[in-house]
Amino acid sequence: MSDTKLKQLPPLRSDEEAERFVEEADLTEYDLSEFKPMKFRRLGNADQVTFALSPELVKKLSKKAKQDGISEGDVLRLLLEKHLQDV
């Protein structure tokens, strides 16, 4: 590729948007240098945990979920998986 500056990825708010983007876009035009491997899996038979959060923490959690285009539960699960990966 030439010395052209790479594009930033657009916000993708759903699986459908992401799939459409990947099908239609030339990914060589985009900056993928910050990508990190992630595992996503459906938790069909998962245990549930219930706990209380402060209103301030819930607000931050909701903001992060909206930024990432995922649910609050998925944000919490990803954070826990990352924090507990060495346990």
N, C-alpha and C. Protein backbone atom coordinates (compact mmCIF):
# COMPACT_ATOMS: atom_id res chain seq x y z
N MET A 1 0.84 -1.18 0.00
CA MET A 1 0.00 0.00 0.00
C MET A 1 0.88 1.24 0.00
N SER A 2 0.39 2.34 -0.51
CA SER A 2 1.16 3.57 -0.58
C SER A 2 1.27 4.21 0.80
N ASP A 3 1.80 5.43 0.83
CA ASP A 3 1.97 6.15 2.09
C ASP A 3 0.67 6.78 2.57
N THR A 4 -0.43 6.41 2.00
CA THR A 4 -1.74 6.94 2.38
C THR A 4 -2.04 6.55 3.82
N LYS A 5 -2.59 7.51 4.57
CA LYS A 5 -2.97 7.23 5.96
C LYS A 5 -4.12 6.23 5.99
N LEU A 6 -4.00 5.26 6.88
CA LEU A 6 -5.04 4.24 7.00
C LEU A 6 -6.27 4.82 7.68
N LYS A 7 -7.43 4.34 7.27
CA LYS A 7 -8.71 4.78 7.83
C LYS A 7 -8.95 4.13 9.19
N GLN A 8 -9.71 4.82 10.01
CA GLN A 8 -10.17 4.25 11.28
C GLN A 8 -11.43 3.44 11.00
N LEU A 9 -11.60 2.37 11.75
CA LEU A 9 -12.81 1.56 11.59
C LEU A 9 -14.03 2.35 12.04
N PRO A 10 -15.14 2.21 11.34
CA PRO A 10 -16.36 2.87 11.78
C PRO A 10 -16.94 2.14 12.99
N PRO A 11 -17.79 2.81 13.77
CA PRO A 11 -18.45 2.10 14.87
C PRO A 11 -19.40 1.04 14.31
N LEU A 12 -19.31 -0.15 14.83
CA LEU A 12 -20.17 -1.26 14.39
C LEU A 12 -21.01 -1.68 15.58
N ARG A 13 -22.29 -1.42 15.51
CA ARG A 13 -23.17 -1.57 16.66
C ARG A 13 -23.91 -2.91 16.73
N SER A 14 -23.69 -3.76 15.74
CA SER A 14 -24.36 -5.06 15.78
C SER A 14 -23.55 -6.06 14.97
N ASP A 15 -23.82 -7.33 15.17
CA ASP A 15 -23.17 -8.36 14.38
C ASP A 15 -23.48 -8.16 12.89
N GLU A 16 -24.72 -7.78 12.60
CA GLU A 16 -25.12 -7.59 11.21
C GLU A 16 -24.31 -6.47 10.56
N GLU A 17 -24.14 -5.35 11.27
CA GLU A 17 -23.33 -4.25 10.74
C GLU A 17 -21.89 -4.70 10.50
N ALA A 18 -21.34 -5.43 11.44
CA ALA A 18 -19.96 -5.90 11.31
C ALA A 18 -19.81 -6.86 10.13
N GLU A 19 -20.74 -7.79 10.00
CA GLU A 19 -20.69 -8.74 8.89
C GLU A 19 -20.79 -8.02 7.55
N ARG A 20 -21.69 -7.05 7.45
CA ARG A 20 -21.85 -6.29 6.20
C ARG A 20 -20.58 -5.51 5.89
N PHE A 21 -20.00 -4.89 6.93
CA PHE A 21 -18.78 -4.11 6.73
C PHE A 21 -17.65 -5.00 6.21
N VAL A 22 -17.44 -6.14 6.84
CA VAL A 22 -16.36 -7.04 6.44
C VAL A 22 -16.57 -7.56 5.02
N GLU A 23 -17.81 -7.82 4.67
CA GLU A 23 -18.11 -8.31 3.32
C GLU A 23 -17.85 -7.25 2.25
N GLU A 24 -18.11 -5.99 2.57
CA GLU A 24 -18.06 -4.93 1.56
C GLU A 24 -16.78 -4.10 1.56
N ALA A 25 -16.09 -4.01 2.68
CA ALA A 25 -14.94 -3.11 2.79
C ALA A 25 -13.64 -3.78 2.35
N ASP A 26 -12.70 -2.97 1.92
CA ASP A 26 -11.34 -3.43 1.66
C ASP A 26 -10.56 -3.20 2.94
N LEU A 27 -10.37 -4.24 3.72
CA LEU A 27 -9.76 -4.10 5.04
C LEU A 27 -8.31 -3.64 4.99
N THR A 28 -7.66 -3.73 3.84
CA THR A 28 -6.29 -3.24 3.73
C THR A 28 -6.23 -1.72 3.82
N GLU A 29 -7.36 -1.06 3.72
CA GLU A 29 -7.43 0.40 3.82
C GLU A 29 -7.58 0.88 5.26
N TYR A 30 -7.73 -0.05 6.20
CA TYR A 30 -8.04 0.33 7.58
C TYR A 30 -6.90 -0.01 8.53
N ASP A 31 -6.78 0.81 9.57
CA ASP A 31 -5.76 0.60 10.60
C ASP A 31 -6.24 -0.48 11.57
N LEU A 32 -5.64 -1.64 11.49
CA LEU A 32 -6.00 -2.77 12.36
C LEU A 32 -4.91 -3.04 13.40
N SER A 33 -4.01 -2.08 13.60
CA SER A 33 -2.84 -2.29 14.47
C SER A 33 -3.21 -2.48 15.94
N GLU A 34 -4.36 -1.99 16.35
CA GLU A 34 -4.76 -2.10 17.76
C GLU A 34 -5.60 -3.34 18.04
N PHE A 35 -5.85 -4.15 17.03
CA PHE A 35 -6.68 -5.33 17.22
C PHE A 35 -6.00 -6.32 18.14
N LYS A 36 -6.78 -6.93 19.01
CA LYS A 36 -6.31 -7.98 19.89
C LYS A 36 -7.25 -9.16 19.76
N PRO A 37 -6.72 -10.38 19.83
CA PRO A 37 -7.60 -11.55 19.73
C PRO A 37 -8.62 -11.57 20.87
N MET A 38 -9.84 -11.92 20.53
CA MET A 38 -10.89 -12.04 21.53
C MET A 38 -11.67 -13.31 21.25
N LYS A 39 -12.15 -13.92 22.30
CA LYS A 39 -12.99 -15.10 22.15
C LYS A 39 -14.41 -14.71 22.51
N PHE A 40 -15.34 -15.01 21.63
CA PHE A 40 -16.75 -14.81 21.91
C PHE A 40 -17.42 -16.17 21.82
N ARG A 41 -18.23 -16.45 22.78
CA ARG A 41 -18.95 -17.71 22.74
C ARG A 41 -20.31 -17.53 23.41
N ARG A 42 -21.22 -18.28 22.94
CA ARG A 42 -22.57 -18.26 23.53
C ARG A 42 -22.55 -19.12 24.78
N LEU A 43 -23.17 -18.61 25.81
CA LEU A 43 -23.19 -19.31 27.08
C LEU A 43 -24.56 -19.93 27.29
N GLY A 44 -24.80 -21.04 26.62
CA GLY A 44 -26.11 -21.68 26.66
C GLY A 44 -26.50 -22.19 28.03
N ASN A 45 -25.59 -22.81 28.73
CA ASN A 45 -25.90 -23.42 30.02
C ASN A 45 -25.01 -22.79 31.10
N ALA A 46 -25.05 -21.47 31.19
CA ALA A 46 -24.15 -20.76 32.10
C ALA A 46 -24.77 -20.57 33.48
N ASP A 47 -23.92 -20.52 34.48
CA ASP A 47 -24.36 -20.14 35.82
C ASP A 47 -24.59 -18.64 35.85
N GLN A 48 -25.45 -18.19 36.73
CA GLN A 48 -25.71 -16.77 36.87
C GLN A 48 -25.24 -16.31 38.24
N VAL A 49 -24.73 -15.07 38.28
CA VAL A 49 -24.29 -14.44 39.52
C VAL A 49 -25.01 -13.10 39.61
N THR A 50 -25.53 -12.79 40.78
CA THR A 50 -26.22 -11.52 41.00
C THR A 50 -25.47 -10.71 42.04
N PHE A 51 -25.26 -9.41 41.76
CA PHE A 51 -24.60 -8.54 42.73
C PHE A 51 -25.04 -7.11 42.48
N ALA A 52 -24.82 -6.26 43.47
CA ALA A 52 -25.25 -4.86 43.39
C ALA A 52 -24.08 -3.98 42.95
N LEU A 53 -24.41 -2.95 42.17
CA LEU A 53 -23.43 -1.96 41.72
C LEU A 53 -23.93 -0.57 42.07
N SER A 54 -23.01 0.33 42.34
CA SER A 54 -23.39 1.71 42.60
C SER A 54 -23.96 2.34 41.33
N PRO A 55 -24.82 3.34 41.48
CA PRO A 55 -25.36 4.02 40.29
C PRO A 55 -24.27 4.58 39.38
N GLU A 56 -23.19 5.08 39.98
CA GLU A 56 -22.10 5.64 39.18
C GLU A 56 -21.43 4.55 38.34
N LEU A 57 -21.23 3.37 38.93
CA LEU A 57 -20.62 2.26 38.21
C LEU A 57 -21.54 1.74 37.11
N VAL A 58 -22.83 1.71 37.38
CA VAL A 58 -23.79 1.28 36.36
C VAL A 58 -23.77 2.25 35.18
N LYS A 59 -23.67 3.54 35.47
CA LYS A 59 -23.60 4.54 34.40
C LYS A 59 -22.35 4.33 33.54
N LYS A 60 -21.21 4.09 34.17
CA LYS A 60 -19.97 3.85 33.43
C LYS A 60 -20.06 2.55 32.63
N LEU A 61 -20.65 1.53 33.23
CA LEU A 61 -20.82 0.24 32.56
C LEU A 61 -21.69 0.40 31.31
N SER A 62 -22.79 1.13 31.44
CA SER A 62 -23.68 1.37 30.30
C SER A 62 -22.98 2.15 29.21
N LYS A 63 -22.20 3.15 29.59
CA LYS A 63 -21.46 3.96 28.62
C LYS A 63 -20.46 3.09 27.85
N LYS A 64 -19.72 2.25 28.56
CA LYS A 64 -18.74 1.36 27.93
C LYS A 64 -19.43 0.38 26.99
N ALA A 65 -20.55 -0.19 27.42
CA ALA A 65 -21.28 -1.13 26.58
C ALA A 65 -21.75 -0.46 25.30
N LYS A 66 -22.26 0.76 25.42
CA LYS A 66 -22.73 1.48 24.24
C LYS A 66 -21.57 1.79 23.30
N GLN A 67 -20.43 2.21 23.86
CA GLN A 67 -19.25 2.49 23.03
C GLN A 67 -18.81 1.26 22.26
N ASP A 68 -18.85 0.11 22.91
CA ASP A 68 -18.38 -1.14 22.30
C ASP A 68 -19.45 -1.85 21.49
N GLY A 69 -20.69 -1.38 21.59
CA GLY A 69 -21.78 -1.99 20.84
C GLY A 69 -22.15 -3.38 21.34
N ILE A 70 -21.98 -3.60 22.65
CA ILE A 70 -22.33 -4.89 23.25
C ILE A 70 -23.16 -4.64 24.50
N SER A 71 -23.66 -5.71 25.08
CA SER A 71 -24.50 -5.56 26.28
C SER A 71 -23.64 -5.31 27.52
N GLU A 72 -24.28 -4.78 28.55
CA GLU A 72 -23.58 -4.58 29.83
C GLU A 72 -23.08 -5.91 30.38
N GLY A 73 -23.88 -6.96 30.24
CA GLY A 73 -23.46 -8.28 30.71
C GLY A 73 -22.22 -8.78 30.00
N ASP A 74 -22.13 -8.52 28.68
CA ASP A 74 -20.94 -8.93 27.94
C ASP A 74 -19.72 -8.13 28.38
N VAL A 75 -19.89 -6.83 28.66
CA VAL A 75 -18.77 -6.03 29.17
C VAL A 75 -18.26 -6.63 30.46
N LEU A 76 -19.17 -6.93 31.38
CA LEU A 76 -18.77 -7.51 32.67
C LEU A 76 -18.08 -8.86 32.48
N ARG A 77 -18.62 -9.70 31.62
CA ARG A 77 -18.03 -11.02 31.39
C ARG A 77 -16.63 -10.88 30.81
N LEU A 78 -16.45 -9.99 29.82
CA LEU A 78 -15.13 -9.79 29.22
C LEU A 78 -14.12 -9.26 30.23
N LEU A 79 -14.56 -8.31 31.07
CA LEU A 79 -13.68 -7.78 32.11
C LEU A 79 -13.26 -8.87 33.11
N LEU A 80 -14.23 -9.68 33.52
CA LEU A 80 -13.92 -10.77 34.45
C LEU A 80 -12.99 -11.81 33.81
N GLU A 81 -13.26 -12.17 32.56
CA GLU A 81 -12.39 -13.13 31.88
C GLU A 81 -10.96 -12.61 31.80
N LYS A 82 -10.81 -11.34 31.44
CA LYS A 82 -9.48 -10.74 31.35
C LYS A 82 -8.80 -10.70 32.71
N HIS A 83 -9.53 -10.30 33.74
CA HIS A 83 -8.96 -10.18 35.08
C HIS A 83 -8.60 -11.54 35.68
N LEU A 84 -9.36 -12.56 35.34
CA LEU A 84 -9.17 -13.89 35.95
C LEU A 84 -8.46 -14.88 35.04
N GLN A 85 -7.88 -14.42 33.93
CA GLN A 85 -7.29 -15.36 32.97
C GLN A 85 -6.13 -16.16 33.53
N ASP A 86 -5.45 -15.67 34.54
CA ASP A 86 -4.29 -16.38 35.09
C ASP A 86 -4.62 -17.21 36.32
N VAL A 87 -5.89 -17.24 36.70
CA VAL A 87 -6.29 -17.97 37.90
C VAL A 87 -6.49 -19.44 37.59
